[in-house]
Amino acid sequence: MCIIYKSPKKDLMYLYVDKTEKLKRVPEPLLARFGEPQLVMEKLLLKSKPLANVDVEEVAKAIVSQGFYLQMPPAKDDYIIDTPAPFYTKE
């Protein structure tokens, strides 16, 4: 069983930790950059129940080996970053 937290500082950044250990093994510098963790949910990691944007096995292995898994936001394409808002928003 793991706990999933979201970052208040960065959209779509999530931290997965073991339910019993919680944040004990997460390095302080990472927590400082992550911000005050906001609880999203508790989840049993099963191959049969995939996660949205990350491999369940990769998350489970990272939690066992280092105590956490950090899910970074997906990279944005350059054309989206550089395109002015009126070109991709509905008015």
Protein backbone atom coordinates (compact mmCIF):
# COMPACT_ATOMS: atom_id res chain seq x y z
CA MET A 1 0.00 0.00 0.00
CA CYS A 2 1.33 3.43 -0.86
CA ILE A 3 0.36 7.02 -0.24
CA ILE A 4 0.34 9.50 -3.11
CA TYR A 5 0.96 13.19 -2.44
CA LYS A 6 0.84 16.10 -4.87
CA SER A 7 3.11 19.12 -4.81
CA PRO A 8 1.60 22.53 -4.10
CA LYS A 9 4.55 24.12 -5.91
CA LYS A 10 4.52 22.24 -9.23
CA ASP A 11 1.47 21.05 -11.18
CA LEU A 12 1.38 17.33 -11.96
CA MET A 13 4.29 16.47 -9.64
CA TYR A 14 3.51 13.53 -7.35
CA LEU A 15 5.37 11.73 -4.58
CA TYR A 16 4.64 8.05 -3.89
CA VAL A 17 5.69 6.63 -0.50
CA ASP A 18 5.10 3.50 1.54
CA LYS A 19 2.04 3.81 3.79
CA THR A 20 3.88 2.64 6.92
CA GLU A 21 7.06 4.69 6.39
CA LYS A 22 5.31 7.78 5.00
CA LEU A 23 7.86 10.56 4.36
CA LYS A 24 10.63 9.22 6.64
CA ARG A 25 12.98 8.23 3.79
CA VAL A 26 12.35 11.22 1.53
CA PRO A 27 15.42 13.51 1.56
CA GLU A 28 14.91 16.95 3.14
CA PRO A 29 16.13 18.87 0.06
CA LEU A 30 13.52 17.08 -2.06
CA LEU A 31 10.75 17.87 0.44
CA ALA A 32 11.83 21.52 0.49
CA ARG A 33 11.52 21.77 -3.31
CA PHE A 34 8.34 19.66 -3.37
CA GLY A 35 6.54 21.84 -0.82
CA GLU A 36 4.08 20.74 1.88
CA PRO A 37 2.82 17.37 0.57
CA GLN A 38 -0.92 17.33 -0.10
CA LEU A 39 -2.61 13.94 0.23
CA VAL A 40 -4.16 12.66 -2.98
CA MET A 41 -4.97 9.04 -2.12
CA GLU A 42 -3.86 5.72 -0.73
CA LYS A 43 -3.46 2.98 -3.32
CA LEU A 44 -2.54 -0.68 -3.42
CA LEU A 45 0.02 -1.09 -6.20
CA LEU A 46 -1.06 -3.95 -8.46
CA LYS A 47 -0.02 -4.78 -12.03
CA SER A 48 -3.70 -5.30 -12.83
CA LYS A 49 -4.49 -1.71 -11.79
CA PRO A 50 -2.22 0.63 -13.76
CA LEU A 51 -1.41 4.17 -12.72
CA ALA A 52 -2.13 7.13 -14.99
CA ASN A 53 1.30 8.16 -16.27
CA VAL A 54 3.79 5.82 -14.64
CA ASP A 55 4.60 2.11 -14.52
CA VAL A 56 3.33 0.38 -11.35
CA GLU A 57 6.37 -1.90 -11.13
CA GLU A 58 8.78 1.02 -11.44
CA VAL A 59 7.00 2.84 -8.61
CA ALA A 60 6.97 -0.24 -6.36
CA LYS A 61 10.69 -0.92 -6.94
CA ALA A 62 11.63 2.69 -6.19
CA ILE A 63 9.60 2.72 -2.97
CA VAL A 64 11.31 -0.47 -1.77
CA SER A 65 14.83 0.61 -2.75
CA GLN A 66 14.84 4.32 -1.87
CA GLY A 67 11.63 4.89 0.09
CA PHE A 68 9.83 7.02 -2.50
CA TYR A 69 9.06 7.57 -6.17
CA LEU A 70 8.91 11.08 -7.60
CA GLN A 71 6.64 11.50 -10.62
CA MET A 72 7.68 14.55 -12.60
CA PRO A 73 5.24 16.55 -14.74
CA PRO A 74 5.21 15.56 -18.41
CA ALA A 75 7.44 17.66 -20.64
CA LYS A 76 5.63 20.27 -22.70
CA ASP A 77 6.29 20.53 -26.40
CA ASP A 78 8.13 23.69 -27.48
CA TYR A 79 5.35 24.74 -29.84
CA ILE A 80 2.86 24.77 -26.97
CA ILE A 81 5.12 26.83 -24.72
CA ASP A 82 5.84 29.41 -27.44
CA THR A 83 2.35 29.69 -28.93
CA PRO A 84 0.36 32.74 -27.76
CA ALA A 85 -2.78 31.85 -25.79
CA PRO A 86 -5.35 33.15 -28.33
CA PHE A 87 -4.22 30.47 -30.79
CA TYR A 88 -5.16 27.54 -28.57
CA THR A 89 -7.92 28.80 -26.28
CA LYS A 90 -11.61 29.08 -27.03
CA GLU A 91 -13.10 32.52 -26.72
